[in-house]
């Protein structure tokens, strides 16, 4: 199998995922997966597509991710891996779709409005 390159996005995080045949090694921005994501919840989030398709030890995953925070990056990587798996084997689409792993989460941060403290919060109103 040649290398599959796909993109996953979440909030402002963009992940470019390269999937290749291998032993199941995951690297993120040149660092080991465990080193890049110290929290177990983020590591579980990233591995969800591989666990859902029972292909955890079959592919090497190399990721370049930028923007956003740790949570957004983990979710962007998750989407990128899911899309890569579908490009490798179209039969995996059903398993990933039922788990909701192929849906791009469109929620973004609402912009701050002028004359207000934040996007929706106002400055305190003073009648007198």
Protein backbone atom coordinates (compact mmCIF):
# COMPACT_ATOMS: atom_id res chain seq x y z
CA UNK A 1 0.00 0.00 0.00
CA UNK A 2 1.28 3.46 -0.83
CA UNK A 3 1.07 6.21 1.76
CA UNK A 4 -2.37 7.73 2.28
CA UNK A 5 -2.44 11.42 3.21
CA UNK A 6 -5.64 12.93 4.56
CA UNK A 7 -6.63 16.06 6.47
CA UNK A 8 -8.63 16.33 9.68
CA UNK A 9 -9.86 19.60 11.19
CA UNK A 10 -11.44 20.67 14.47
CA UNK A 11 -11.85 24.24 15.76
CA UNK A 12 -8.61 25.87 14.56
CA UNK A 13 -6.50 22.68 14.57
CA UNK A 14 -5.43 21.14 11.26
CA UNK A 15 -3.91 17.65 11.14
CA UNK A 16 -2.22 16.10 8.09
CA UNK A 17 -2.24 12.33 8.61
CA UNK A 18 -0.02 9.87 6.72
CA UNK A 19 -1.06 6.22 6.98
CA UNK A 20 1.29 3.43 5.91
CA UNK A 21 1.58 -0.31 6.49
CA UNK A 22 3.56 -1.02 9.62
CA UNK A 23 3.57 -2.12 13.23
CA UNK A 24 1.18 0.41 14.77
CA UNK A 25 3.64 3.19 15.63
CA UNK A 26 2.03 6.63 16.02
CA UNK A 27 4.16 9.80 15.79
CA UNK A 28 2.87 13.37 16.14
CA UNK A 29 5.07 16.27 14.95
CA UNK A 30 8.15 14.05 15.09
CA UNK A 31 7.54 13.05 18.71
CA UNK A 32 6.15 9.85 20.12
CA UNK A 33 2.42 9.75 20.53
CA UNK A 34 2.62 9.20 24.32
CA UNK A 35 5.06 12.10 24.67
CA UNK A 36 2.93 14.55 22.64
CA UNK A 37 -0.35 13.73 24.42
CA UNK A 38 0.41 13.20 28.14
CA UNK A 39 -3.30 12.88 29.02
CA UNK A 40 -4.85 9.44 28.60
CA UNK A 41 -8.16 10.90 27.38
CA UNK A 42 -6.46 12.56 24.39
CA UNK A 43 -4.60 9.34 23.54
CA UNK A 44 -7.84 7.35 23.64
CA UNK A 45 -9.52 9.97 21.42
CA UNK A 46 -6.78 9.65 18.78
CA UNK A 47 -6.91 5.83 18.74
CA UNK A 48 -10.74 5.57 18.48
CA UNK A 49 -10.82 4.98 14.68
CA UNK A 50 -8.14 2.28 14.88
CA UNK A 51 -9.96 0.54 17.74
CA UNK A 52 -13.35 0.80 15.99
CA UNK A 53 -11.96 -0.93 12.88
CA UNK A 54 -9.74 -3.37 14.84
CA UNK A 55 -6.65 -2.25 12.91
CA UNK A 56 -4.53 -1.02 15.83
CA UNK A 57 -1.27 -2.87 15.01
CA UNK A 58 -1.53 -2.83 11.23
CA UNK A 59 -0.65 0.74 10.25
CA UNK A 60 2.01 3.29 11.10
CA UNK A 61 0.51 6.75 11.58
CA UNK A 62 2.58 9.90 11.11
CA UNK A 63 0.88 13.22 11.86
CA UNK A 64 1.75 16.89 11.37
CA UNK A 65 -0.66 19.00 13.40
CA UNK A 66 -0.84 22.74 14.01
CA UNK A 67 -3.17 25.28 15.57
CA UNK A 68 -5.66 24.94 18.39
CA UNK A 69 -5.15 23.27 21.74
CA UNK A 70 -4.51 19.70 22.77
CA UNK A 71 -8.18 18.69 22.66
CA UNK A 72 -8.83 20.19 19.21
CA UNK A 73 -5.63 18.65 17.87
CA UNK A 74 -6.56 15.21 19.21
CA UNK A 75 -9.99 15.42 17.57
CA UNK A 76 -8.49 16.67 14.29
CA UNK A 77 -6.09 13.70 14.27
CA UNK A 78 -9.00 11.36 15.00
CA UNK A 79 -10.89 12.61 11.93
CA UNK A 80 -7.76 12.41 9.76
CA UNK A 81 -7.07 8.79 10.78
CA UNK A 82 -10.70 7.83 10.14
CA UNK A 83 -10.58 9.37 6.65
CA UNK A 84 -7.27 7.59 5.92
CA UNK A 85 -8.72 4.23 6.93
CA UNK A 86 -11.68 4.75 4.59
CA UNK A 87 -9.33 5.64 1.72
CA UNK A 88 -7.43 2.39 2.36
CA UNK A 89 -10.51 0.16 2.70
CA UNK A 90 -13.98 1.40 1.74
CA UNK A 91 -15.59 -1.45 3.75
CA UNK A 92 -14.55 0.27 7.00
CA UNK A 93 -16.84 3.24 6.28
CA UNK A 94 -19.85 1.61 7.96
CA UNK A 95 -18.03 0.85 11.21
CA UNK A 96 -16.60 4.36 11.39
CA UNK A 97 -19.89 6.03 10.43
CA UNK A 98 -21.87 4.26 13.19
CA UNK A 99 -19.36 5.52 15.78
CA UNK A 100 -19.64 9.06 14.34
CA UNK A 101 -15.95 9.22 13.46
CA UNK A 102 -16.35 10.51 9.90
CA UNK A 103 -18.35 13.62 10.79
CA UNK A 104 -16.46 16.91 10.88
CA UNK A 105 -17.47 18.85 14.02
CA UNK A 106 -18.36 22.32 12.62
CA UNK A 107 -18.44 24.19 15.93
CA UNK A 108 -16.08 27.16 16.04
CA UNK A 109 -15.44 29.91 18.57
CA UNK A 110 -17.85 32.81 18.12
CA UNK A 111 -16.12 36.12 17.49
CA UNK A 112 -16.05 38.93 20.04
CA UNK A 113 -18.40 41.82 19.24
CA UNK A 114 -17.51 45.48 19.69
CA UNK A 115 -19.10 47.22 22.66
CA UNK A 116 -19.22 43.92 24.54
CA UNK A 117 -16.92 42.13 26.94
CA UNK A 118 -16.92 38.83 24.98
CA UNK A 119 -18.98 37.24 22.20
CA UNK A 120 -22.22 37.35 24.18
CA UNK A 121 -21.32 38.75 27.60
CA UNK A 122 -22.10 42.45 28.00
CA UNK A 123 -20.52 45.09 30.19
CA UNK A 124 -22.49 45.68 33.38
CA UNK A 125 -25.52 47.91 32.79
CA UNK A 126 -25.76 51.00 35.01
CA UNK A 127 -29.08 52.84 35.06
CA UNK A 128 -27.67 55.86 36.91
